[in-house]
Amino acid sequence: FHPDAPAEIQERLRYLTGTRLYDHLKHQQ
């Protein structure tokens, strides 16, 4: 999570610890 981490790592973490947790909402309705 360090600011110097490569963009690829940051984007992957953004998805895994963020967006991925809410993706299922669009399938609930």
Full PDB file with SEQRES, HELIX, SHEET, SSBOND, CRYST1, ORIGX, SCALE, CONECT and MASTER records, all heavy atoms in Angstrom:
SEQRES   1 A   29  PHE HIS PRO ASP ALA PRO ALA GLU ILE GLN GLU ARG LEU          
SEQRES   2 A   29  ARG TYR LEU THR GLY THR ARG LEU TYR ASP HIS LEU LYS          
SEQRES   3 A   29  HIS GLN GLN                                                  
HELIX    1 AA1 ALA A    7  LEU A   16  1                                  10    
HELIX    2 AA2 THR A   19  LEU A   21  5                                   3    
HELIX    3 AA3 ASP A   23  HIS A   27  5                                   5    
CRYST1    1.000    1.000    1.000  90.00  90.00  90.00 P 1           1          
ORIGX1      1.000000  0.000000  0.000000        0.00000                         
ORIGX2      0.000000  1.000000  0.000000        0.00000                         
ORIGX3      0.000000  0.000000  1.000000        0.00000                         
SCALE1      1.000000  0.000000  0.000000        0.00000                         
SCALE2      0.000000  1.000000  0.000000        0.00000                         
SCALE3      0.000000  0.000000  1.000000        0.00000                         
ATOM      1  N   PHE A   1       0.817  -1.219   0.000  1.00  0.00           N  
ATOM      2  CA  PHE A   1       0.000   0.000   0.000  1.00  0.00           C  
ATOM      3  C   PHE A   1       0.851   1.270   0.000  1.00  0.00           C  
ATOM      4  O   PHE A   1       0.320   2.371   0.080  1.00  0.00           O  
ATOM      5  CB  PHE A   1      -0.938   0.014   1.212  1.00  0.00           C  
ATOM      6  CG  PHE A   1      -2.161  -0.840   1.039  1.00  0.00           C  
ATOM      7  CD1 PHE A   1      -2.201  -2.129   1.532  1.00  0.00           C  
ATOM      8  CD2 PHE A   1      -3.276  -0.355   0.365  1.00  0.00           C  
ATOM      9  CE1 PHE A   1      -3.327  -2.931   1.373  1.00  0.00           C  
ATOM     10  CE2 PHE A   1      -4.407  -1.144   0.201  1.00  0.00           C  
ATOM     11  CZ  PHE A   1      -4.433  -2.432   0.709  1.00  0.00           C  
ATOM     12  N   HIS A   2       2.155   1.113  -0.098  1.00  0.00           N  
ATOM     13  CA  HIS A   2       3.056   2.270  -0.091  1.00  0.00           C  
ATOM     14  C   HIS A   2       2.829   3.107  -1.357  1.00  0.00           C  
ATOM     15  O   HIS A   2       2.584   2.563  -2.439  1.00  0.00           O  
ATOM     16  CB  HIS A   2       4.507   1.790  -0.034  1.00  0.00           C  
ATOM     17  CG  HIS A   2       5.489   2.864   0.294  1.00  0.00           C  
ATOM     18  ND1 HIS A   2       5.959   3.753  -0.656  1.00  0.00           N  
ATOM     19  CD2 HIS A   2       6.074   3.217   1.460  1.00  0.00           C  
ATOM     20  CE1 HIS A   2       6.798   4.601  -0.093  1.00  0.00           C  
ATOM     21  NE2 HIS A   2       6.886   4.295   1.197  1.00  0.00           N  
ATOM     22  N   PRO A   3       2.932   4.427  -1.230  1.00  0.00           N  
ATOM     23  CA  PRO A   3       2.727   5.300  -2.402  1.00  0.00           C  
ATOM     24  C   PRO A   3       3.657   4.987  -3.570  1.00  0.00           C  
ATOM     25  O   PRO A   3       3.329   5.285  -4.722  1.00  0.00           O  
ATOM     26  CB  PRO A   3       3.007   6.705  -1.837  1.00  0.00           C  
ATOM     27  CG  PRO A   3       2.692   6.589  -0.382  1.00  0.00           C  
ATOM     28  CD  PRO A   3       3.112   5.206   0.006  1.00  0.00           C  
ATOM     29  N   ASP A   4       4.824   4.408  -3.296  1.00  0.00           N  
ATOM     30  CA  ASP A   4       5.775   4.084  -4.362  1.00  0.00           C  
ATOM     31  C   ASP A   4       5.494   2.755  -5.041  1.00  0.00           C  
ATOM     32  O   ASP A   4       6.217   2.375  -5.982  1.00  0.00           O  
ATOM     33  CB  ASP A   4       7.210   4.057  -3.798  1.00  0.00           C  
ATOM     34  CG  ASP A   4       7.690   5.431  -3.381  1.00  0.00           C  
ATOM     35  OD1 ASP A   4       7.202   6.422  -3.951  1.00  0.00           O  
ATOM     36  OD2 ASP A   4       8.544   5.508  -2.479  1.00  0.00           O  
ATOM     37  N   ALA A   5       4.481   2.046  -4.594  1.00  0.00           N  
ATOM     38  CA  ALA A   5       4.163   0.754  -5.205  1.00  0.00           C  
ATOM     39  C   ALA A   5       3.781   0.955  -6.671  1.00  0.00           C  
ATOM     40  O   ALA A   5       3.140   1.953  -7.020  1.00  0.00           O  
ATOM     41  CB  ALA A   5       3.025   0.075  -4.453  1.00  0.00           C  
ATOM     42  N   PRO A   6       4.166   0.035  -7.559  1.00  0.00           N  
ATOM     43  CA  PRO A   6       3.821   0.162  -8.976  1.00  0.00           C  
ATOM     44  C   PRO A   6       2.315   0.309  -9.188  1.00  0.00           C  
ATOM     45  O   PRO A   6       1.511  -0.210  -8.410  1.00  0.00           O  
ATOM     46  CB  PRO A   6       4.339  -1.152  -9.577  1.00  0.00           C  
ATOM     47  CG  PRO A   6       5.420  -1.585  -8.647  1.00  0.00           C  
ATOM     48  CD  PRO A   6       4.961  -1.165  -7.275  1.00  0.00           C  
ATOM     49  N   ALA A   7       1.954   1.017 -10.253  1.00  0.00           N  
ATOM     50  CA  ALA A   7       0.541   1.260 -10.548  1.00  0.00           C  
ATOM     51  C   ALA A   7      -0.239  -0.044 -10.685  1.00  0.00           C  
ATOM     52  O   ALA A   7      -1.403  -0.124 -10.283  1.00  0.00           O  
ATOM     53  CB  ALA A   7       0.417   2.087 -11.826  1.00  0.00           C  
ATOM     54  N   GLU A   8       0.392  -1.080 -11.226  1.00  0.00           N  
ATOM     55  CA  GLU A   8      -0.290  -2.362 -11.400  1.00  0.00           C  
ATOM     56  C   GLU A   8      -0.718  -2.933 -10.050  1.00  0.00           C  
ATOM     57  O   GLU A   8      -1.836  -3.456  -9.912  1.00  0.00           O  
ATOM     58  CB  GLU A   8       0.626  -3.356 -12.110  1.00  0.00           C  
ATOM     59  CG  GLU A   8      -0.025  -4.719 -12.339  1.00  0.00           C  
ATOM     60  CD  GLU A   8       0.935  -5.739 -12.918  1.00  0.00           C  
ATOM     61  OE1 GLU A   8       2.137  -5.439 -13.037  1.00  0.00           O  
ATOM     62  OE2 GLU A   8       0.475  -6.849 -13.252  1.00  0.00           O  
ATOM     63  N   ILE A   9       0.156  -2.834  -9.061  1.00  0.00           N  
ATOM     64  CA  ILE A   9      -0.171  -3.333  -7.726  1.00  0.00           C  
ATOM     65  C   ILE A   9      -1.279  -2.490  -7.106  1.00  0.00           C  
ATOM     66  O   ILE A   9      -2.230  -3.017  -6.522  1.00  0.00           O  
ATOM     67  CB  ILE A   9       1.075  -3.332  -6.825  1.00  0.00           C  
ATOM     68  CG1 ILE A   9       2.066  -4.401  -7.301  1.00  0.00           C  
ATOM     69  CG2 ILE A   9       0.698  -3.585  -5.359  1.00  0.00           C  
ATOM     70  CD1 ILE A   9       3.340  -4.482  -6.487  1.00  0.00           C  
ATOM     71  N   GLN A  10      -1.174  -1.171  -7.234  1.00  0.00           N  
ATOM     72  CA  GLN A  10      -2.180  -0.274  -6.663  1.00  0.00           C  
ATOM     73  C   GLN A  10      -3.558  -0.550  -7.264  1.00  0.00           C  
ATOM     74  O   GLN A  10      -4.556  -0.617  -6.535  1.00  0.00           O  
ATOM     75  CB  GLN A  10      -1.777   1.180  -6.933  1.00  0.00           C  
ATOM     76  CG  GLN A  10      -0.499   1.625  -6.238  1.00  0.00           C  
ATOM     77  CD  GLN A  10      -0.708   1.891  -4.754  1.00  0.00           C  
ATOM     78  OE1 GLN A  10      -1.832   2.035  -4.284  1.00  0.00           O  
ATOM     79  NE2 GLN A  10       0.379   1.966  -4.011  1.00  0.00           N  
ATOM     80  N   GLU A  11      -3.607  -0.725  -8.582  1.00  0.00           N  
ATOM     81  CA  GLU A  11      -4.891  -0.956  -9.232  1.00  0.00           C  
ATOM     82  C   GLU A  11      -5.482  -2.305  -8.840  1.00  0.00           C  
ATOM     83  O   GLU A  11      -6.696  -2.441  -8.653  1.00  0.00           O  
ATOM     84  CB  GLU A  11      -4.744  -0.869 -10.753  1.00  0.00           C  
ATOM     85  CG  GLU A  11      -4.563   0.547 -11.270  1.00  0.00           C  
ATOM     86  CD  GLU A  11      -5.670   1.476 -10.809  1.00  0.00           C  
ATOM     87  OE1 GLU A  11      -6.861   1.133 -10.964  1.00  0.00           O  
ATOM     88  OE2 GLU A  11      -5.345   2.556 -10.260  1.00  0.00           O  
ATOM     89  N   ARG A  12      -4.615  -3.307  -8.716  1.00  0.00           N  
ATOM     90  CA  ARG A  12      -5.102  -4.625  -8.310  1.00  0.00           C  
ATOM     91  C   ARG A  12      -5.648  -4.583  -6.880  1.00  0.00           C  
ATOM     92  O   ARG A  12      -6.701  -5.152  -6.593  1.00  0.00           O  
ATOM     93  CB  ARG A  12      -3.957  -5.644  -8.407  1.00  0.00           C  
ATOM     94  CG  ARG A  12      -4.377  -7.076  -8.174  1.00  0.00           C  
ATOM     95  CD  ARG A  12      -5.265  -7.577  -9.259  1.00  0.00           C  
ATOM     96  NE  ARG A  12      -5.511  -9.021  -9.130  1.00  0.00           N  
ATOM     97  CZ  ARG A  12      -6.651  -9.604  -9.444  1.00  0.00           C  
ATOM     98  NH1 ARG A  12      -7.650  -8.899  -9.926  1.00  0.00           N  
ATOM     99  NH2 ARG A  12      -6.801 -10.909  -9.307  1.00  0.00           N  
ATOM    100  N   LEU A  13      -4.946  -3.898  -5.999  1.00  0.00           N  
ATOM    101  CA  LEU A  13      -5.409  -3.768  -4.621  1.00  0.00           C  
ATOM    102  C   LEU A  13      -6.693  -2.949  -4.549  1.00  0.00           C  
ATOM    103  O   LEU A  13      -7.575  -3.228  -3.736  1.00  0.00           O  
ATOM    104  CB  LEU A  13      -4.325  -3.109  -3.759  1.00  0.00           C  
ATOM    105  CG  LEU A  13      -3.119  -3.981  -3.403  1.00  0.00           C  
ATOM    106  CD1 LEU A  13      -2.050  -3.135  -2.717  1.00  0.00           C  
ATOM    107  CD2 LEU A  13      -3.531  -5.135  -2.496  1.00  0.00           C  
ATOM    108  N   ARG A  14      -6.781  -1.922  -5.401  1.00  0.00           N  
ATOM    109  CA  ARG A  14      -7.990  -1.092  -5.432  1.00  0.00           C  
ATOM    110  C   ARG A  14      -9.213  -1.950  -5.744  1.00  0.00           C  
ATOM    111  O   ARG A  14     -10.281  -1.775  -5.162  1.00  0.00           O  
ATOM    112  CB  ARG A  14      -7.832   0.009  -6.476  1.00  0.00           C  
ATOM    113  CG  ARG A  14      -8.949   1.069  -6.452  1.00  0.00           C  
ATOM    114  CD  ARG A  14      -8.788   2.040  -7.615  1.00  0.00           C  
ATOM    115  NE  ARG A  14      -7.449   2.586  -7.674  1.00  0.00           N  
ATOM    116  CZ  ARG A  14      -7.042   3.624  -6.951  1.00  0.00           C  
ATOM    117  NH1 ARG A  14      -7.885   4.228  -6.144  1.00  0.00           N  
ATOM    118  NH2 ARG A  14      -5.805   4.072  -7.068  1.00  0.00           N  
ATOM    119  N   TYR A  15      -9.017  -2.903  -6.668  1.00  0.00           N  
ATOM    120  CA  TYR A  15     -10.128  -3.789  -7.021  1.00  0.00           C  
ATOM    121  C   TYR A  15     -10.398  -4.814  -5.918  1.00  0.00           C  
ATOM    122  O   TYR A  15     -11.539  -4.994  -5.494  1.00  0.00           O  
ATOM    123  CB  TYR A  15      -9.833  -4.517  -8.335  1.00  0.00           C  
ATOM    124  CG  TYR A  15     -10.869  -5.567  -8.657  1.00  0.00           C  
ATOM    125  CD1 TYR A  15     -12.143  -5.198  -9.087  1.00  0.00           C  
ATOM    126  CD2 TYR A  15     -10.592  -6.933  -8.508  1.00  0.00           C  
ATOM    127  CE1 TYR A  15     -13.104  -6.155  -9.352  1.00  0.00           C  
ATOM    128  CE2 TYR A  15     -11.555  -7.892  -8.779  1.00  0.00           C  
ATOM    129  CZ  TYR A  15     -12.814  -7.497  -9.197  1.00  0.00           C  
ATOM    130  OH  TYR A  15     -13.782  -8.444  -9.442  1.00  0.00           O  
ATOM    131  N   LEU A  16      -9.350  -5.478  -5.435  1.00  0.00           N  
ATOM    132  CA  LEU A  16      -9.525  -6.579  -4.483  1.00  0.00           C  
ATOM    133  C   LEU A  16     -10.037  -6.124  -3.122  1.00  0.00           C  
ATOM    134  O   LEU A  16     -10.796  -6.836  -2.470  1.00  0.00           O  
ATOM    135  CB  LEU A  16      -8.200  -7.324  -4.314  1.00  0.00           C  
ATOM    136  CG  LEU A  16      -7.709  -8.084  -5.552  1.00  0.00           C  
ATOM    137  CD1 LEU A  16      -6.339  -8.692  -5.282  1.00  0.00           C  
ATOM    138  CD2 LEU A  16      -8.703  -9.172  -5.952  1.00  0.00           C  
ATOM    139  N   THR A  17      -9.592  -4.944  -2.657  1.00  0.00           N  
ATOM    140  CA  THR A  17     -10.010  -4.471  -1.333  1.00  0.00           C  
ATOM    141  C   THR A  17     -11.097  -3.404  -1.418  1.00  0.00           C  
ATOM    142  O   THR A  17     -11.536  -2.897  -0.387  1.00  0.00           O  
ATOM    143  CB  THR A  17      -8.814  -3.897  -0.543  1.00  0.00           C  
ATOM    144  OG1 THR A  17      -8.322  -2.709  -1.203  1.00  0.00           O  
ATOM    145  CG2 THR A  17      -7.696  -4.901  -0.434  1.00  0.00           C  
ATOM    146  N   GLY A  18     -11.515  -3.092  -2.640  1.00  0.00           N  
ATOM    147  CA  GLY A  18     -12.520  -2.055  -2.802  1.00  0.00           C  
ATOM    148  C   GLY A  18     -13.659  -2.478  -3.706  1.00  0.00           C  
ATOM    149  O   GLY A  18     -14.656  -3.052  -3.257  1.00  0.00           O  
ATOM    150  N   THR A  19     -13.501  -2.224  -5.003  1.00  0.00           N  
ATOM    151  CA  THR A  19     -14.580  -2.444  -5.967  1.00  0.00           C  
ATOM    152  C   THR A  19     -15.146  -3.859  -5.922  1.00  0.00           C  
ATOM    153  O   THR A  19     -16.364  -4.059  -6.010  1.00  0.00           O  
ATOM    154  CB  THR A  19     -14.069  -2.151  -7.393  1.00  0.00           C  
ATOM    155  OG1 THR A  19     -13.392  -0.893  -7.381  1.00  0.00           O  
ATOM    156  CG2 THR A  19     -15.221  -2.085  -8.374  1.00  0.00           C  
ATOM    157  N   ARG A  20     -14.289  -4.851  -5.800  1.00  0.00           N  
ATOM    158  CA  ARG A  20     -14.726  -6.254  -5.799  1.00  0.00           C  
ATOM    159  C   ARG A  20     -15.762  -6.541  -4.719  1.00  0.00           C  
ATOM    160  O   ARG A  20     -16.642  -7.396  -4.900  1.00  0.00           O  
ATOM    161  CB  ARG A  20     -13.499  -7.149  -5.592  1.00  0.00           C  
ATOM    162  CG  ARG A  20     -13.779  -8.623  -5.344  1.00  0.00           C  
ATOM    163  CD  ARG A  20     -12.466  -9.402  -5.308  1.00  0.00           C  
ATOM    164  NE  ARG A  20     -12.638 -10.731  -4.797  1.00  0.00           N  
ATOM    165  CZ  ARG A  20     -12.442 -11.080  -3.520  1.00  0.00           C  
ATOM    166  NH1 ARG A  20     -12.054 -10.174  -2.636  1.00  0.00           N  
ATOM    167  NH2 ARG A  20     -12.599 -12.325  -3.124  1.00  0.00           N  
ATOM    168  N   LEU A  21     -15.722  -5.815  -3.616  1.00  0.00           N  
ATOM    169  CA  LEU A  21     -16.625  -6.064  -2.501  1.00  0.00           C  
ATOM    170  C   LEU A  21     -18.046  -5.605  -2.777  1.00  0.00           C  
ATOM    171  O   LEU A  21     -18.976  -5.970  -2.062  1.00  0.00           O  
ATOM    172  CB  LEU A  21     -16.107  -5.392  -1.224  1.00  0.00           C  
ATOM    173  CG  LEU A  21     -15.038  -6.184  -0.456  1.00  0.00           C  
ATOM    174  CD1 LEU A  21     -13.725  -6.232  -1.240  1.00  0.00           C  
ATOM    175  CD2 LEU A  21     -14.793  -5.564   0.909  1.00  0.00           C  
ATOM    176  N   TYR A  22     -18.209  -4.798  -3.833  1.00  0.00           N  
ATOM    177  CA  TYR A  22     -19.534  -4.248  -4.128  1.00  0.00           C  
ATOM    178  C   TYR A  22     -20.060  -4.642  -5.507  1.00  0.00           C  
ATOM    179  O   TYR A  22     -21.195  -4.328  -5.852  1.00  0.00           O  
ATOM    180  CB  TYR A  22     -19.484  -2.713  -4.030  1.00  0.00           C  
ATOM    181  CG  TYR A  22     -19.003  -2.233  -2.681  1.00  0.00           C  
ATOM    182  CD1 TYR A  22     -17.680  -1.858  -2.481  1.00  0.00           C  
ATOM    183  CD2 TYR A  22     -19.874  -2.176  -1.595  1.00  0.00           C  
ATOM    184  CE1 TYR A  22     -17.226  -1.437  -1.231  1.00  0.00           C  
ATOM    185  CE2 TYR A  22     -19.438  -1.760  -0.352  1.00  0.00           C  
ATOM    186  CZ  TYR A  22     -18.109  -1.391  -0.180  1.00  0.00           C  
ATOM    187  OH  TYR A  22     -17.668  -0.988   1.059  1.00  0.00           O  
ATOM    188  N   ASP A  23     -19.239  -5.337  -6.287  1.00  0.00           N  
ATOM    189  CA  ASP A  23     -19.626  -5.706  -7.644  1.00  0.00           C  
ATOM    190  C   ASP A  23     -20.949  -6.454  -7.704  1.00  0.00           C  
ATOM    191  O   ASP A  23     -21.709  -6.333  -8.668  1.00  0.00           O  
ATOM    192  CB  ASP A  23     -18.530  -6.564  -8.296  1.00  0.00           C  
ATOM    193  CG  ASP A  23     -17.678  -5.756  -9.265  1.00  0.00           C  
ATOM    194  OD1 ASP A  23     -18.071  -4.622  -9.588  1.00  0.00           O  
ATOM    195  OD2 ASP A  23     -16.629  -6.261  -9.694  1.00  0.00           O  
ATOM    196  N   HIS A  24     -21.221  -7.259  -6.678  1.00  0.00           N  
ATOM    197  CA  HIS A  24     -22.415  -8.098  -6.705  1.00  0.00           C  
ATOM    198  C   HIS A  24     -23.710  -7.301  -6.592  1.00  0.00           C  
ATOM    199  O   HIS A  24     -24.784  -7.818  -6.880  1.00  0.00           O  
ATOM    200  CB  HIS A  24     -22.359  -9.122  -5.565  1.00  0.00           C  
ATOM    201  CG  HIS A  24     -22.327  -8.503  -4.193  1.00  0.00           C  
ATOM    202  ND1 HIS A  24     -21.245  -7.788  -3.730  1.00  0.00           N  
ATOM    203  CD2 HIS A  24     -23.249  -8.480  -3.196  1.00  0.00           C  
ATOM    204  CE1 HIS A  24     -21.498  -7.358  -2.499  1.00  0.00           C  
ATOM    205  NE2 HIS A  24     -22.696  -7.761  -2.155  1.00  0.00           N  
ATOM    206  N   LEU A  25     -23.623  -6.024  -6.214  1.00  0.00           N  
ATOM    207  CA  LEU A  25     -24.832  -5.212  -6.044  1.00  0.00           C  
ATOM    208  C   LEU A  25     -25.608  -5.084  -7.353  1.00  0.00           C  
ATOM    209  O   LEU A  25     -26.832  -5.005  -7.345  1.00  0.00           O  
ATOM    210  CB  LEU A  25     -24.478  -3.813  -5.513  1.00  0.00           C  
ATOM    211  CG  LEU A  25     -23.948  -3.740  -4.083  1.00  0.00           C  
ATOM    212  CD1 LEU A  25     -23.589  -2.303  -3.733  1.00  0.00           C  
ATOM    213  CD2 LEU A  25     -24.982  -4.279  -3.097  1.00  0.00           C  
ATOM    214  N   LYS A  26     -24.892  -5.040  -8.473  1.00  0.00           N  
ATOM    215  CA  LYS A  26     -25.597  -4.841  -9.744  1.00  0.00           C  
ATOM    216  C   LYS A  26     -26.329  -6.095 -10.201  1.00  0.00           C  
ATOM    217  O   LYS A  26     -27.084  -6.049 -11.174  1.00  0.00           O  
ATOM    218  CB  LYS A  26     -24.624  -4.370 -10.824  1.00  0.00           C  
ATOM    219  CG  LYS A  26     -23.445  -5.260 -11.082  1.00  0.00           C  
ATOM    220  CD  LYS A  26     -22.463  -4.540 -12.003  1.00  0.00           C  
ATOM    221  CE  LYS A  26     -21.167  -5.316 -12.153  1.00  0.00           C  
ATOM    222  NZ  LYS A  26     -20.132  -4.530 -12.871  1.00  0.00           N  
ATOM    223  N   HIS A  27     -26.101  -7.216  -9.504  1.00  0.00           N  
ATOM    224  CA  HIS A  27     -26.792  -8.450  -9.865  1.00  0.00           C  
ATOM    225  C   HIS A  27     -27.949  -8.763  -8.910  1.00  0.00           C  
ATOM    226  O   HIS A  27     -28.687  -9.718  -9.138  1.00  0.00           O  
ATOM    227  CB  HIS A  27     -25.814  -9.627  -9.854  1.00  0.00           C  
ATOM    228  CG  HIS A  27     -24.625  -9.424 -10.748  1.00  0.00           C  
ATOM    229  ND1 HIS A  27     -24.733  -9.225 -12.100  1.00  0.00           N  
ATOM    230  CD2 HIS A  27     -23.298  -9.361 -10.453  1.00  0.00           C  
ATOM    231  CE1 HIS A  27     -23.526  -9.059 -12.623  1.00  0.00           C  
ATOM    232  NE2 HIS A  27     -22.643  -9.138 -11.646  1.00  0.00           N  
ATOM    233  N   GLN A  28     -28.100  -7.944  -7.876  1.00  0.00           N  
ATOM    234  CA  GLN A  28     -29.129  -8.228  -6.876  1.00  0.00           C  
ATOM    235  C   GLN A  28     -30.513  -7.750  -7.316  1.00  0.00           C  
ATOM    236  O   GLN A  28     -31.521  -8.176  -6.773  1.00  0.00           O  
ATOM    237  CB  GLN A  28     -28.754  -7.588  -5.541  1.00  0.00           C  
ATOM    238  CG  GLN A  28     -27.564  -8.273  -4.869  1.00  0.00           C  
ATOM    239  CD  GLN A  28     -27.263  -7.699  -3.494  1.00  0.00           C  
ATOM    240  OE1 GLN A  28     -27.774  -6.650  -3.101  1.00  0.00           O  
ATOM    241  NE2 GLN A  28     -26.426  -8.391  -2.749  1.00  0.00           N  
ATOM    242  N   GLN A  29     -30.540  -6.822  -8.274  1.00  0.00           N  
ATOM    243  CA  GLN A  29     -31.828  -6.327  -8.756  1.00  0.00           C  
ATOM    244  C   GLN A  29     -31.837  -6.412 -10.286  1.00  0.00           C  
ATOM    245  O   GLN A  29     -31.678  -5.403 -10.970  1.00  0.00           O  
ATOM    246  CB  GLN A  29     -32.048  -4.888  -8.290  1.00  0.00           C  
ATOM    247  CG  GLN A  29     -32.089  -4.739  -6.772  1.00  0.00           C  
ATOM    248  CD  GLN A  29     -32.467  -3.339  -6.340  1.00  0.00           C  
ATOM    249  OE1 GLN A  29     -33.509  -2.820  -6.719  1.00  0.00           O  
ATOM    250  NE2 GLN A  29     -31.625  -2.718  -5.550  1.00  0.00           N  
TER     251      GLN A  29                                                      
MASTER        0    0    0    3    0    0    0    6  250    1    0    3          
END                                                                             
